[in-house]
Protein backbone atom coordinates (compact mmCIF):
# COMPACT_ATOMS: atom_id res chain seq x y z
CA UNK A 1 21.77 -56.12 -25.25
CA UNK A 2 18.92 -55.44 -22.84
CA UNK A 3 16.34 -58.15 -22.65
CA UNK A 4 12.76 -57.39 -23.56
CA UNK A 5 11.77 -57.54 -19.90
CA UNK A 6 14.33 -54.87 -19.00
CA UNK A 7 13.18 -52.67 -21.88
CA UNK A 8 9.60 -53.07 -20.72
CA UNK A 9 10.55 -52.21 -17.15
CA UNK A 10 12.46 -49.08 -18.19
CA UNK A 11 9.59 -48.00 -20.43
CA UNK A 12 7.16 -48.49 -17.56
CA UNK A 13 9.35 -46.53 -15.15
CA UNK A 14 9.77 -43.70 -17.64
CA UNK A 15 6.04 -43.40 -18.23
CA UNK A 16 5.34 -43.63 -14.52
CA UNK A 17 7.84 -40.84 -13.77
CA UNK A 18 6.44 -38.75 -16.59
CA UNK A 19 2.95 -39.23 -15.19
CA UNK A 20 4.17 -38.33 -11.69
CA UNK A 21 5.86 -35.14 -12.92
CA UNK A 22 2.81 -33.99 -14.85
CA UNK A 23 0.58 -34.75 -11.87
CA UNK A 24 2.95 -33.10 -9.39
CA UNK A 25 3.13 -29.84 -11.33
CA UNK A 26 -0.53 -29.51 -12.24
CA UNK A 27 -1.76 -25.91 -12.32
CA UNK A 28 -4.25 -25.28 -9.51
CA UNK A 29 -5.07 -21.66 -10.28
CA UNK A 30 -3.65 -18.98 -12.56
CA UNK A 31 -4.53 -15.31 -12.95
CA UNK A 32 -3.20 -12.58 -15.22
CA UNK A 33 -4.56 -9.06 -15.27
CA UNK A 34 -3.48 -6.04 -17.29
CA UNK A 35 -3.02 -2.87 -15.27
CA UNK A 36 -4.16 0.62 -16.21
CA UNK A 37 -4.87 3.65 -14.02
CA UNK A 38 -8.39 4.97 -13.64
CA UNK A 39 -9.34 7.65 -16.14
CA UNK A 40 -10.01 9.91 -13.16
CA UNK A 41 -10.68 9.71 -9.45
CA UNK A 42 -14.45 9.66 -8.88
CA UNK A 43 -15.59 13.18 -7.97
CA UNK A 44 -17.34 11.99 -4.82
CA UNK A 45 -14.01 10.63 -3.53
CA UNK A 46 -12.27 13.94 -4.22
CA UNK A 47 -15.01 15.80 -2.37
CA UNK A 48 -14.89 13.32 0.51
CA UNK A 49 -11.09 13.73 0.74
CA UNK A 50 -11.39 17.52 0.89
CA UNK A 51 -14.24 17.51 3.40
CA UNK A 52 -12.62 14.91 5.64
CA UNK A 53 -9.25 16.63 5.72
CA UNK A 54 -10.75 20.04 6.45
CA UNK A 55 -12.85 18.44 9.15
CA UNK A 56 -9.66 17.26 10.84
CA UNK A 57 -8.27 20.81 11.11
CA UNK A 58 -8.98 21.31 14.81
CA UNK A 59 -7.77 17.84 15.75
CA UNK A 60 -4.52 18.28 13.80
CA UNK A 61 -3.88 21.65 15.45
CA UNK A 62 -4.64 20.27 18.90
CA UNK A 63 -2.32 17.30 18.40
CA UNK A 64 0.44 19.55 17.07
CA UNK A 65 0.24 21.95 20.02
CA UNK A 66 0.14 19.03 22.43
CA UNK A 67 3.41 17.73 20.98
CA UNK A 68 5.04 21.17 20.81
CA UNK A 69 3.45 23.23 23.62
CA UNK A 70 6.28 25.72 24.25
CA UNK A 71 9.70 27.01 23.18
CA UNK A 72 11.61 24.49 25.27
CA UNK A 73 9.94 21.50 23.61
CA UNK A 74 10.30 23.20 20.22
CA UNK A 75 14.07 23.22 20.74
CA UNK A 76 14.19 19.60 21.91
CA UNK A 77 11.88 18.02 19.34
CA UNK A 78 12.22 20.24 16.28
CA UNK A 79 15.11 22.69 16.28
CA UNK A 80 17.94 20.56 17.66
CA UNK A 81 17.18 17.45 15.56
CA UNK A 82 16.90 19.67 12.47
CA UNK A 83 20.25 21.29 13.23
CA UNK A 84 21.90 17.87 13.57
CA UNK A 85 20.36 16.60 10.35
CA UNK A 86 21.43 19.74 8.47
CA UNK A 87 24.98 19.44 9.80
CA UNK A 88 25.21 15.93 8.33
CA UNK A 89 23.80 17.14 5.03
CA UNK A 90 26.10 20.12 4.47
CA UNK A 91 29.05 19.40 2.20
CA UNK A 92 32.18 19.65 4.41
CA UNK A 93 34.15 21.15 1.50
CA UNK A 94 31.89 24.21 1.22
CA UNK A 95 33.51 27.56 1.92
CA UNK A 96 32.61 28.78 5.42
CA UNK A 97 30.93 25.46 6.18
CA UNK A 98 31.14 26.05 9.94
CA UNK A 99 29.57 29.49 9.60
CA UNK A 100 26.79 28.06 7.44
CA UNK A 101 25.99 25.48 10.13
CA UNK A 102 26.11 28.15 12.84
CA UNK A 103 23.76 30.43 10.90
CA UNK A 104 21.28 27.60 10.53
CA UNK A 105 21.50 26.77 14.24
CA UNK A 106 20.89 30.41 15.25
CA UNK A 107 17.91 30.80 12.92
CA UNK A 108 16.21 27.62 14.11
CA UNK A 109 16.83 28.08 17.81
CA UNK A 110 15.25 31.51 17.66
CA UNK A 111 12.33 30.49 15.48
CA UNK A 112 9.73 29.39 18.03
CA UNK A 113 7.65 32.58 18.05
CA UNK A 114 7.55 32.70 14.27
CA UNK A 115 6.66 28.99 14.12
CA UNK A 116 3.91 29.34 16.73
CA UNK A 117 2.35 32.36 15.00
CA UNK A 118 2.50 30.58 11.65
CA UNK A 119 0.76 27.49 13.01
CA UNK A 120 -2.01 29.53 14.63
CA UNK A 121 -2.58 31.48 11.43
CA UNK A 122 -2.49 28.44 9.17
CA UNK A 123 -5.01 26.45 11.19
CA UNK A 124 -7.60 29.13 11.80
CA UNK A 125 -10.90 28.69 9.96
CA UNK A 126 -10.36 29.57 6.29
CA UNK A 127 -6.60 29.78 6.87
CA UNK A 128 -3.67 28.46 4.88
CA UNK A 129 -4.37 24.84 5.81
CA UNK A 130 -7.89 24.85 4.38
CA UNK A 131 -6.82 26.93 1.38
CA UNK A 132 -4.03 24.49 0.52
CA UNK A 133 -6.33 21.48 0.87
CA UNK A 134 -8.62 22.99 -1.75
CA UNK A 135 -5.66 24.00 -3.92
CA UNK A 136 -4.34 20.42 -3.89
CA UNK A 137 -7.58 18.83 -5.11
CA UNK A 138 -6.27 18.57 -8.65
CA UNK A 139 -3.17 16.73 -7.43
CA UNK A 140 -5.41 14.16 -5.73
CA UNK A 141 -6.14 12.96 -9.27
CA UNK A 142 -2.75 11.22 -9.08
CA UNK A 143 -4.51 8.72 -6.83
CA UNK A 144 -6.00 7.27 -10.02
CA UNK A 145 -2.74 5.35 -10.47
CA UNK A 146 -2.83 3.30 -7.24
CA UNK A 147 -6.63 3.07 -7.49
CA UNK A 148 -6.16 1.35 -10.83
CA UNK A 149 -4.14 -1.33 -9.04
CA UNK A 150 -6.22 -1.83 -5.89
CA UNK A 151 -9.59 -0.83 -7.32
CA UNK A 152 -12.54 1.12 -5.96
CA UNK A 153 -14.82 -1.67 -4.85
CA UNK A 154 -18.18 0.10 -5.03
CA UNK A 155 -17.29 1.74 -8.37
CA UNK A 156 -15.19 -0.65 -10.46
CA UNK A 157 -14.56 -3.55 -8.10
CA UNK A 158 -11.10 -4.76 -7.18
CA UNK A 159 -8.00 -3.96 -9.21
CA UNK A 160 -5.37 -6.36 -10.53
CA UNK A 161 -3.11 -6.12 -7.46
CA UNK A 162 -5.83 -7.37 -5.16
CA UNK A 163 -7.09 -9.95 -7.66
CA UNK A 164 -3.60 -11.44 -8.01
CA UNK A 165 -3.33 -11.82 -4.24
CA UNK A 166 -6.94 -12.87 -3.85
CA UNK A 167 -6.76 -15.89 -6.14
CA UNK A 168 -3.87 -17.39 -4.14
CA UNK A 169 -5.16 -16.37 -0.72
CA UNK A 170 -8.57 -17.98 -0.98
CA UNK A 171 -10.77 -14.94 -1.61
CA UNK A 172 -13.33 -16.42 -3.98
CA UNK A 173 -15.12 -13.06 -4.27
CA UNK A 174 -12.51 -11.81 -6.74
CA UNK A 175 -14.04 -14.06 -9.41
CA UNK A 176 -17.04 -11.72 -9.43
CA UNK A 177 -14.87 -8.80 -10.53
CA UNK A 178 -13.11 -10.37 -13.51
CA UNK A 179 -13.23 -8.15 -16.58
CA UNK A 180 -12.02 -7.95 -20.16
CA UNK A 181 -8.40 -7.44 -19.08
CA UNK A 182 -8.39 -10.43 -16.70
CA UNK A 183 -7.91 -14.15 -17.28
CA UNK A 184 -8.56 -16.73 -14.57
CA UNK A 185 -8.26 -20.51 -14.79
CA UNK A 186 -8.52 -23.15 -12.10
CA UNK A 187 -9.95 -22.85 -8.62
CA UNK A 188 -9.17 -20.01 -6.22
CA UNK A 189 -7.37 -21.35 -3.15
CA UNK A 190 -5.24 -20.40 -0.15
CA UNK A 191 -1.59 -21.34 -0.69
CA UNK A 192 -0.19 -19.83 2.49
CA UNK A 193 0.94 -21.39 5.74
CA UNK A 194 -1.64 -21.54 8.54
CA UNK A 195 -2.09 -18.10 10.07
CA UNK A 196 -0.06 -16.34 7.36
CA UNK A 197 -2.76 -15.49 4.84
CA UNK A 198 -3.85 -12.08 6.13
CA UNK A 199 -0.24 -11.01 6.57
CA UNK A 200 0.67 -12.20 3.07
CA UNK A 201 -2.26 -10.32 1.58
CA UNK A 202 -1.51 -7.15 3.56
CA UNK A 203 2.11 -7.33 2.38
CA UNK A 204 1.53 -8.37 -1.21
CA UNK A 205 -1.11 -5.86 -2.33
CA UNK A 206 1.01 -2.76 -1.49
CA UNK A 207 4.13 -4.25 -3.10
CA UNK A 208 2.25 -5.16 -6.27
CA UNK A 209 0.62 -1.72 -6.33
CA UNK A 210 3.96 0.04 -5.91
CA UNK A 211 5.45 -1.97 -8.75
CA UNK A 212 2.54 -1.59 -11.15
CA UNK A 213 2.36 2.16 -10.63
CA UNK A 214 6.11 2.80 -10.94
CA UNK A 215 6.47 0.48 -13.94
CA UNK A 216 3.54 2.24 -15.61
CA UNK A 217 5.07 5.66 -14.90
CA UNK A 218 8.29 4.53 -16.57
CA UNK A 219 6.50 2.89 -19.50
CA UNK A 220 4.31 5.96 -20.00
CA UNK A 221 7.47 8.07 -20.24
CA UNK A 222 9.13 5.68 -22.71
CA UNK A 223 11.73 4.57 -20.14
CA UNK A 224 11.94 0.87 -21.00
CA UNK A 225 15.15 0.20 -19.07
CA UNK A 226 13.78 1.83 -15.93
CA UNK A 227 10.45 0.00 -16.35
CA UNK A 228 12.22 -3.35 -16.50
CA UNK A 229 14.38 -2.42 -13.51
CA UNK A 230 11.25 -1.69 -11.47
CA UNK A 231 9.77 -5.04 -12.48
CA UNK A 232 12.93 -6.90 -11.44
CA UNK A 233 13.13 -5.04 -8.13
CA UNK A 234 9.49 -5.67 -7.22
CA UNK A 235 9.58 -9.35 -8.18
CA UNK A 236 12.64 -9.81 -5.97
CA UNK A 237 10.80 -8.08 -3.14
CA UNK A 238 7.81 -10.39 -3.59
CA UNK A 239 10.09 -13.42 -3.51
CA UNK A 240 11.71 -12.22 -0.31
CA UNK A 241 8.44 -11.45 1.48
CA UNK A 242 5.10 -12.84 0.30
CA UNK A 243 6.44 -16.03 -1.24
CA UNK A 244 8.30 -16.86 1.96
CA UNK A 245 4.87 -17.45 3.56
CA UNK A 246 3.74 -20.06 1.00
CA UNK A 247 3.14 -23.64 2.12
CA UNK A 248 5.83 -25.07 -0.15
CA UNK A 249 5.03 -28.66 0.83
CA UNK A 250 1.80 -28.34 -1.16
CA UNK A 251 2.24 -25.50 -3.64
CA UNK A 252 4.71 -24.00 -6.10
CA UNK A 253 3.67 -20.37 -6.43
CA UNK A 254 4.47 -17.58 -8.87
CA UNK A 255 3.59 -14.00 -7.95
CA UNK A 256 4.97 -11.26 -10.16
CA UNK A 257 4.45 -8.20 -12.27
CA UNK A 258 5.66 -7.95 -15.84
CA UNK A 259 5.46 -6.26 -19.21
CA UNK A 260 3.62 -7.91 -22.10
CA UNK A 261 5.31 -6.66 -25.27
CA UNK A 262 2.54 -7.97 -27.52
CA UNK A 263 -0.26 -6.24 -25.61
CA UNK A 264 2.07 -3.35 -24.68
CA UNK A 265 0.74 -3.45 -21.13
CA UNK A 266 1.94 -3.91 -17.56
CA UNK A 267 0.40 -6.89 -15.78
CA UNK A 268 0.08 -8.75 -12.49
CA UNK A 269 0.38 -12.54 -12.55
CA UNK A 270 -0.28 -15.19 -9.92
CA UNK A 271 -0.11 -18.96 -10.33
CA UNK A 272 -0.13 -21.97 -8.04
CA UNK A 273 0.91 -25.47 -9.05
CA UNK A 274 0.86 -28.61 -6.97
CA UNK A 275 4.22 -29.33 -5.35
């Protein structure tokens, strides 16, 4: 039998280890935010997009003609690469496959005049370029999905993708923009290695945004399996990129997106615990 002194020592060691474990894994900061797209893109942003793009018409045309100034360059930079790409695409089992490739080569190599006339016509004032910009305004409303993730600072503040990165990259301003769909506990801090923070943030926000938007698309369409596959893919990508820049001697960090079955919502989640 163990003596009382041994029992006391083991009890002390157990409690000391338990205390150490609890202390070592204390939560420093944790954020969870539910994602949803904007109801619509603010009208002033749609107008700004249209005006800005139309205002770039002359510059786009000038840059295009500088890159492709004549028929010789057209062949080198456009026609020949397109012919090679098409040849790789064509199914080799098609009937008359060689003739199909040859037809494509002939059409492209003789297309400079048609291409040049089309460009000049499209980029004249009031031409096809400007008409198509206006025609695509409605499609710009799709930007409400990524805007829901990154936010529109002057309008609604930051979105959940930036907030999740902000709380673990030391941006204390994100606390100002917490809303009904956000929960934040602990103190905002920078968990990344020296010099890595701005790269981690620049990497993490687009990955989170991509995942939130695609997962929402799938969920909106009732595609649960595809939604979960997106979540798994994005979380793996975050582990292989952003989380590689964490100072693991000081922090144990979680950065992920997920689906909350109770709330029936997609979310972004960031947490740092002491290492």
